[in-house]
PDB file of N, CA and C in Angstrom:
ATOM      1  N   MET A   1      20.989  13.957 -13.876  1.00  0.00           N
ATOM      2  CA  MET A   1      19.835  13.182 -14.409  1.00  0.00           C
ATOM      3  C   MET A   1      19.084  12.568 -12.752  1.00  0.00           C
ATOM      4  N   ALA A   2      17.445  13.671 -12.496  1.00  0.00           N
ATOM      5  CA  ALA A   2      17.199  13.550 -11.613  1.00  0.00           C
ATOM      6  C   ALA A   2      17.084  12.600 -10.769  1.00  0.00           C
ATOM      7  N   THR A   3      16.453  12.521  -9.318  1.00  0.00           N
ATOM      8  CA  THR A   3      16.298  10.798  -8.738  1.00  0.00           C
ATOM      9  C   THR A   3      14.579  10.989  -9.175  1.00  0.00           C
ATOM     10  N   ILE A   4      13.944   9.729  -9.594  1.00  0.00           N
ATOM     11  CA  ILE A   4      12.384   9.289  -8.771  1.00  0.00           C
ATOM     12  C   ILE A   4      11.827   8.845  -7.795  1.00  0.00           C
ATOM     13  N   TRP A   5      10.768   9.791  -7.176  1.00  0.00           N
ATOM     14  CA  TRP A   5      10.258   9.829  -6.333  1.00  0.00           C
ATOM     15  C   TRP A   5      10.095   8.228  -5.920  1.00  0.00           C
ATOM     16  N   ARG A   6      10.132   8.167  -5.153  1.00  0.00           N
ATOM     17  CA  ARG A   6       9.272   6.633  -4.937  1.00  0.00           C
ATOM     18  C   ARG A   6       8.915   6.366  -3.282  1.00  0.00           C
ATOM     19  N   PHE A   7       7.320   5.569  -2.972  1.00  0.00           N
ATOM     20  CA  PHE A   7       6.721   4.933  -2.003  1.00  0.00           C
ATOM     21  C   PHE A   7       7.067   4.007  -1.882  1.00  0.00           C
ATOM     22  N   ALA A   8       7.747   3.716  -0.833  1.00  0.00           N
ATOM     23  CA  ALA A   8       7.335   2.366  -0.168  1.00  0.00           C
ATOM     24  C   ALA A   8       7.812   2.148   1.027  1.00  0.00           C
ATOM     25  N   LEU A   9       7.075   0.992   1.481  1.00  0.00           N
ATOM     26  CA  LEU A   9       7.652   0.147   3.275  1.00  0.00           C
ATOM     27  C   LEU A   9       8.535  -0.359   3.750  1.00  0.00           C
ATOM     28  N   ASN A  10      10.139  -0.090   4.179  1.00  0.00           N
ATOM     29  CA  ASN A  10      11.242  -0.561   4.371  1.00  0.00           C
ATOM     30  C   ASN A  10      10.738  -1.054   6.032  1.00  0.00           C
ATOM     31  N   GLY A  11      10.236  -2.542   6.638  1.00  0.00           N
ATOM     32  CA  GLY A  11       9.976  -3.073   7.101  1.00  0.00           C
ATOM     33  C   GLY A  11       8.738  -1.940   8.352  1.00  0.00           C
ATOM     34  N   ASN A  12       8.980  -0.850   9.129  1.00  0.00           N
ATOM     35  CA  ASN A  12       7.572  -0.569  10.048  1.00  0.00           C
ATOM     36  C   ASN A  12       7.709   1.040   9.629  1.00  0.00           C
ATOM     37  N   VAL A  13       8.771   1.072   8.521  1.00  0.00           N
ATOM     38  CA  VAL A  13       9.152   2.521   8.305  1.00  0.00           C
ATOM     39  C   VAL A  13       8.542   2.711   6.559  1.00  0.00           C
ATOM     40  N   VAL A  14       7.643   3.811   6.508  1.00  0.00           N
ATOM     41  CA  VAL A  14       7.233   4.445   5.153  1.00  0.00           C
ATOM     42  C   VAL A  14       7.959   5.370   4.942  1.00  0.00           C
ATOM     43  N   VAL A  15       8.392   5.439   3.531  1.00  0.00           N
ATOM     44  CA  VAL A  15      10.087   6.148   3.273  1.00  0.00           C
ATOM     45  C   VAL A  15       8.515   6.663   2.006  1.00  0.00           C
ATOM     46  N   SER A  16       8.581   7.992   1.641  1.00  0.00           N
ATOM     47  CA  SER A  16       8.315   8.772   0.137  1.00  0.00           C
ATOM     48  C   SER A  16       8.886   9.439   0.587  1.00  0.00           C
ATOM     49  N   GLY A  17       9.336   9.765  -1.098  1.00  0.00           N
ATOM     50  CA  GLY A  17      10.774  10.156  -1.585  1.00  0.00           C
ATOM     51  C   GLY A  17      11.520  10.292  -0.699  1.00  0.00           C
ATOM     52  N   GLY A  18      12.445  11.962   0.098  1.00  0.00           N
ATOM     53  CA  GLY A  18      12.836  11.686   1.526  1.00  0.00           C
ATOM     54  C   GLY A  18      12.831  11.959   2.554  1.00  0.00           C
ATOM     55  N   LYS A  19      11.170  11.372   2.930  1.00  0.00           N
ATOM     56  CA  LYS A  19      11.188  11.647   4.315  1.00  0.00           C
ATOM     57  C   LYS A  19      10.674  10.170   4.766  1.00  0.00           C
ATOM     58  N   GLN A  20      10.710   9.909   6.328  1.00  0.00           N
ATOM     59  CA  GLN A  20      10.800   8.949   6.460  1.00  0.00           C
ATOM     60  C   GLN A  20       9.151   8.812   7.855  1.00  0.00           C
ATOM     61  N   ARG A  21       8.184   8.038   8.129  1.00  0.00           N
ATOM     62  CA  ARG A  21       7.323   8.115   9.419  1.00  0.00           C
ATOM     63  C   ARG A  21       7.133   6.069   9.514  1.00  0.00           C
ATOM     64  N   ARG A  22       6.466   6.295  10.323  1.00  0.00           N
ATOM     65  CA  ARG A  22       6.339   5.277  11.197  1.00  0.00           C
ATOM     66  C   ARG A  22       4.495   4.086  10.621  1.00  0.00           C
ATOM     67  N   GLN A  23       5.630   3.286  10.015  1.00  0.00           N
ATOM     68  CA  GLN A  23       3.544   2.386   9.285  1.00  0.00           C
ATOM     69  C   GLN A  23       2.598   2.449  10.291  1.00  0.00           C
ATOM     70  N   LEU A  24       1.281   3.129   9.446  1.00  0.00           N
ATOM     71  CA  LEU A  24       0.339   2.804  10.725  1.00  0.00           C
ATOM     72  C   LEU A  24      -0.191   1.530  10.504  1.00  0.00           C
ATOM     73  N   SER A  25       0.289   0.664   9.331  1.00  0.00           N
ATOM     74  CA  SER A  25      -1.424   0.343   9.076  1.00  0.00           C
ATOM     75  C   SER A  25      -0.512  -0.994   9.448  1.00  0.00           C
ATOM     76  N   LYS A  26      -0.528  -2.373  10.379  1.00  0.00           N
ATOM     77  CA  LYS A  26      -0.288  -3.569  10.575  1.00  0.00           C
ATOM     78  C   LYS A  26       0.794  -4.335   9.497  1.00  0.00           C
ATOM     79  N   ASN A  27       0.334  -4.820   7.971  1.00  0.00           N
ATOM     80  CA  ASN A  27       0.255  -5.198   6.939  1.00  0.00           C
ATOM     81  C   ASN A  27       1.499  -4.443   5.792  1.00  0.00           C
ATOM     82  N   GLY A  28       0.701  -3.060   5.775  1.00  0.00           N
ATOM     83  CA  GLY A  28       0.622  -1.680   4.870  1.00  0.00           C
ATOM     84  C   GLY A  28      -0.259  -1.934   3.600  1.00  0.00           C
ATOM     85  N   CYS A  29      -0.810  -2.710   3.986  1.00  0.00           N
ATOM     86  CA  CYS A  29      -2.984  -2.247   3.087  1.00  0.00           C
ATOM     87  C   CYS A  29      -2.890  -1.440   3.671  1.00  0.00           C
ATOM     88  N   ASN A  30      -3.576  -0.073   2.681  1.00  0.00           N
ATOM     89  CA  ASN A  30      -4.480   0.980   3.124  1.00  0.00           C
ATOM     90  C   ASN A  30      -3.355   1.818   4.014  1.00  0.00           C
ATOM     91  N   GLU A  31      -2.299   1.700   3.670  1.00  0.00           N
ATOM     92  CA  GLU A  31      -1.645   2.891   4.232  1.00  0.00           C
ATOM     93  C   GLU A  31      -1.852   4.055   4.045  1.00  0.00           C
ATOM     94  N   PRO A  32      -1.718   5.257   4.265  1.00  0.00           N
ATOM     95  CA  PRO A  32      -2.302   6.278   4.076  1.00  0.00           C
ATOM     96  C   PRO A  32      -1.451   7.576   3.226  1.00  0.00           C
ATOM     97  N   PHE A  33      -1.854   8.031   2.645  1.00  0.00           N
ATOM     98  CA  PHE A  33      -0.705   9.555   2.494  1.00  0.00           C
ATOM     99  C   PHE A  33      -1.651   9.698   1.061  1.00  0.00           C
ATOM    100  N   LYS A  34      -1.314  11.359   1.461  1.00  0.00           N
ATOM    101  CA  LYS A  34      -2.101  12.772   1.000  1.00  0.00           C
ATOM    102  C   LYS A  34      -3.802  12.117   0.211  1.00  0.00           C
ATOM    103  N   ASN A  35      -4.391  11.705   1.390  1.00  0.00           N
ATOM    104  CA  ASN A  35      -5.983  11.590   0.937  1.00  0.00           C
ATOM    105  C   ASN A  35      -5.905  10.158   0.114  1.00  0.00           C
ATOM    106  N   ARG A  36      -4.844   9.296  -0.022  1.00  0.00           N
ATOM    107  CA  ARG A  36      -4.858   7.724  -1.429  1.00  0.00           C
ATOM    108  C   ARG A  36      -4.753   6.543  -0.131  1.00  0.00           C
ATOM    109  N   TYR A  37      -4.718   6.178  -1.128  1.00  0.00           N
ATOM    110  CA  TYR A  37      -4.563   4.838   0.133  1.00  0.00           C
ATOM    111  C   TYR A  37      -3.342   3.465  -0.301  1.00  0.00           C
ATOM    112  N   TRP A  38      -2.707   3.073   0.023  1.00  0.00           N
ATOM    113  CA  TRP A  38      -0.582   2.551  -0.364  1.00  0.00           C
ATOM    114  C   TRP A  38      -1.973   0.660  -0.996  1.00  0.00           C
ATOM    115  N   CYS A  39      -1.687   0.820  -1.861  1.00  0.00           N
ATOM    116  CA  CYS A  39      -1.810  -1.188  -2.057  1.00  0.00           C
ATOM    117  C   CYS A  39      -0.826  -2.175  -2.291  1.00  0.00           C
ATOM    118  N   PRO A  40      -0.015  -2.551  -1.892  1.00  0.00           N
ATOM    119  CA  PRO A  40       1.271  -3.400  -2.041  1.00  0.00           C
ATOM    120  C   PRO A  40       0.972  -4.512  -2.922  1.00  0.00           C
ATOM    121  N   LYS A  41      -0.057  -4.614  -2.824  1.00  0.00           N
ATOM    122  CA  LYS A  41      -0.573  -5.788  -4.138  1.00  0.00           C
ATOM    123  C   LYS A  41      -0.099  -5.439  -5.201  1.00  0.00           C
ATOM    124  N   SER A  42      -0.880  -4.216  -5.819  1.00  0.00           N
ATOM    125  CA  SER A  42      -0.408  -3.557  -7.025  1.00  0.00           C
ATOM    126  C   SER A  42       0.791  -2.216  -7.432  1.00  0.00           C
ATOM    127  N   GLN A  43       0.993  -2.060  -6.069  1.00  0.00           N
ATOM    128  CA  GLN A  43       2.029  -1.044  -5.778  1.00  0.00           C
ATOM    129  C   GLN A  43       2.303  -0.004  -6.091  1.00  0.00           C
ATOM    130  N   TRP A  44       0.418   0.434  -5.888  1.00  0.00           N
ATOM    131  CA  TRP A  44       0.191   1.959  -6.909  1.00  0.00           C
ATOM    132  C   TRP A  44      -0.987   2.247  -5.387  1.00  0.00           C
ATOM    133  N   PHE A  45      -1.150   3.583  -5.225  1.00  0.00           N
ATOM    134  CA  PHE A  45      -2.089   4.295  -4.451  1.00  0.00           C
ATOM    135  C   PHE A  45      -3.741   3.974  -5.608  1.00  0.00           C
ATOM    136  N   GLN A  46      -4.707   3.695  -4.614  1.00  0.00           N
ATOM    137  CA  GLN A  46      -5.778   3.713  -4.744  1.00  0.00           C
ATOM    138  C   GLN A  46      -7.082   4.867  -4.272  1.00  0.00           C
ATOM    139  N   LYS A  47      -7.540   5.440  -4.687  1.00  0.00           N
ATOM    140  CA  LYS A  47      -8.796   6.319  -4.112  1.00  0.00           C
ATOM    141  C   LYS A  47      -9.412   6.507  -2.923  1.00  0.00           C
ATOM    142  N   GLU A  48     -10.149   4.763  -2.713  1.00  0.00           N
ATOM    143  CA  GLU A  48     -10.951   4.796  -1.660  1.00  0.00           C
ATOM    144  C   GLU A  48      -9.879   3.276  -0.614  1.00  0.00           C
ATOM    145  N   PRO A  49      -9.882   3.475   0.335  1.00  0.00           N
ATOM    146  CA  PRO A  49      -9.106   2.069   1.060  1.00  0.00           C
ATOM    147  C   PRO A  49      -9.808   1.412   0.633  1.00  0.00           C
ATOM    148  N   CYS A  50      -8.424  -0.040   0.212  1.00  0.00           N
ATOM    149  CA  CYS A  50      -9.231  -1.683   0.408  1.00  0.00           C
ATOM    150  C   CYS A  50     -10.324  -2.293   0.915  1.00  0.00           C
ATOM    151  N   PRO A  51     -11.502  -2.582   0.702  1.00  0.00           N
ATOM    152  CA  PRO A  51     -12.605  -3.417   2.054  1.00  0.00           C
ATOM    153  C   PRO A  51     -11.174  -5.009   2.582  1.00  0.00           C
ATOM    154  N   PHE A  52     -10.873  -5.118   1.849  1.00  0.00           N
ATOM    155  CA  PHE A  52     -10.325  -6.425   2.756  1.00  0.00           C
ATOM    156  C   PHE A  52      -9.372  -5.896   4.165  1.00  0.00           C
ATOM    157  N   ILE A  53      -9.282  -6.984   4.318  1.00  0.00           N
ATOM    158  CA  ILE A  53      -8.530  -6.769   6.217  1.00  0.00           C
ATOM    159  C   ILE A  53      -6.920  -6.849   5.920  1.00  0.00           C
ATOM    160  N   ASN A  54      -6.493  -7.481   4.979  1.00  0.00           N
ATOM    161  CA  ASN A  54      -5.531  -8.199   5.111  1.00  0.00           C
ATOM    162  C   ASN A  54      -5.085  -8.153   4.159  1.00  0.00           C
ATOM    163  N   ARG A  55      -3.631  -8.399   3.377  1.00  0.00           N
ATOM    164  CA  ARG A  55      -3.480  -9.182   1.771  1.00  0.00           C
ATOM    165  C   ARG A  55      -3.801 -10.199   1.358  1.00  0.00           C
ATOM    166  N   ARG A  56      -3.719 -11.733   2.439  1.00  0.00           N
ATOM    167  CA  ARG A  56      -4.489 -12.250   2.042  1.00  0.00           C
ATOM    168  C   ARG A  56      -5.749 -12.764   2.097  1.00  0.00           C
ATOM    169  N   GLU A  57      -6.334 -12.133   2.440  1.00  0.00           N
ATOM    170  CA  GLU A  57      -7.871 -12.230   2.723  1.00  0.00           C
ATOM    171  C   GLU A  57      -8.793 -11.411   0.696  1.00  0.00           C
ATOM    172  N   CYS A  58      -7.660 -10.209   0.115  1.00  0.00           N
ATOM    173  CA  CYS A  58      -7.399 -10.238  -0.997  1.00  0.00           C
ATOM    174  C   CYS A  58      -6.789 -10.524  -1.745  1.00  0.00           C
ATOM    175  N   GLU A  59      -5.840 -11.695  -1.866  1.00  0.00           N
ATOM    176  CA  GLU A  59      -5.113 -12.171  -2.483  1.00  0.00           C
ATOM    177  C   GLU A  59      -6.994 -13.780  -2.280  1.00  0.00           C
ATOM    178  N   ASN A  60      -7.504 -13.682  -1.392  1.00  0.00           N
ATOM    179  CA  ASN A  60      -8.427 -15.266  -1.523  1.00  0.00           C
ATOM    180  C   ASN A  60      -9.191 -14.882  -2.203  1.00  0.00           C
ATOM    181  N   TYR A  61      -9.309 -13.720  -2.332  1.00  0.00           N
ATOM    182  CA  TYR A  61     -10.867 -13.270  -3.409  1.00  0.00           C
ATOM    183  C   TYR A  61      -9.918 -13.198  -4.606  1.00  0.00           C
ATOM    184  N   LEU A  62      -9.095 -12.849  -5.371  1.00  0.00           N
ATOM    185  CA  LEU A  62      -8.970 -12.422  -6.194  1.00  0.00           C
ATOM    186  C   LEU A  62      -8.577 -14.670  -6.822  1.00  0.00           C
ATOM    187  N   VAL A  63      -8.730 -15.170  -6.277  1.00  0.00           N
ATOM    188  CA  VAL A  63      -8.492 -16.708  -6.894  1.00  0.00           C
ATOM    189  C   VAL A  63      -9.783 -17.218  -6.747  1.00  0.00           C
ATOM    190  N   MET A  64     -10.536 -16.851  -5.662  1.00  0.00           N
ATOM    191  CA  MET A  64     -12.091 -17.063  -5.838  1.00  0.00           C
ATOM    192  C   MET A  64     -12.510 -16.840  -7.060  1.00  0.00           C
ATOM    193  N   CYS A  65     -12.242 -15.625  -7.291  1.00  0.00           N
ATOM    194  CA  CYS A  65     -12.942 -14.500  -8.245  1.00  0.00           C
ATOM    195  C   CYS A  65     -12.772 -14.035 -10.026  1.00  0.00           C
ATOM    196  N   GLY A  66     -11.369 -13.937  -9.849  1.00  0.00           N
ATOM    197  CA  GLY A  66     -10.070 -14.384 -11.126  1.00  0.00           C
ATOM    198  C   GLY A  66     -10.512 -12.418 -11.275  1.00  0.00           C
ATOM    199  N   SER A  67     -10.837 -11.884 -10.842  1.00  0.00           N
ATOM    200  CA  SER A  67      -9.776 -10.620 -10.653  1.00  0.00           C
ATOM    201  C   SER A  67     -10.492  -9.435  -9.775  1.00  0.00           C
ATOM    202  N   LEU A  68      -9.479  -8.230  -9.876  1.00  0.00           N
ATOM    203  CA  LEU A  68     -10.407  -7.633  -8.646  1.00  0.00           C
ATOM    204  C   LEU A  68     -11.024  -5.818  -9.235  1.00  0.00           C
TER     205      LEU A  68
END
């Protein structure tokens, strides 16, 4: 059986499949990968960078507004 390709943040290292590199962003939000941006909250890629400065700001918005 083939292994599944995975994108993950391990400390200050970004792992994409079998490759590794240093993390560019401080908290993992908007980590660039092939013209997409990683969202650690949704565990998926976004087409555009998130407008929030950090994950706490994102969570505060979600609490106040109910959805993204």
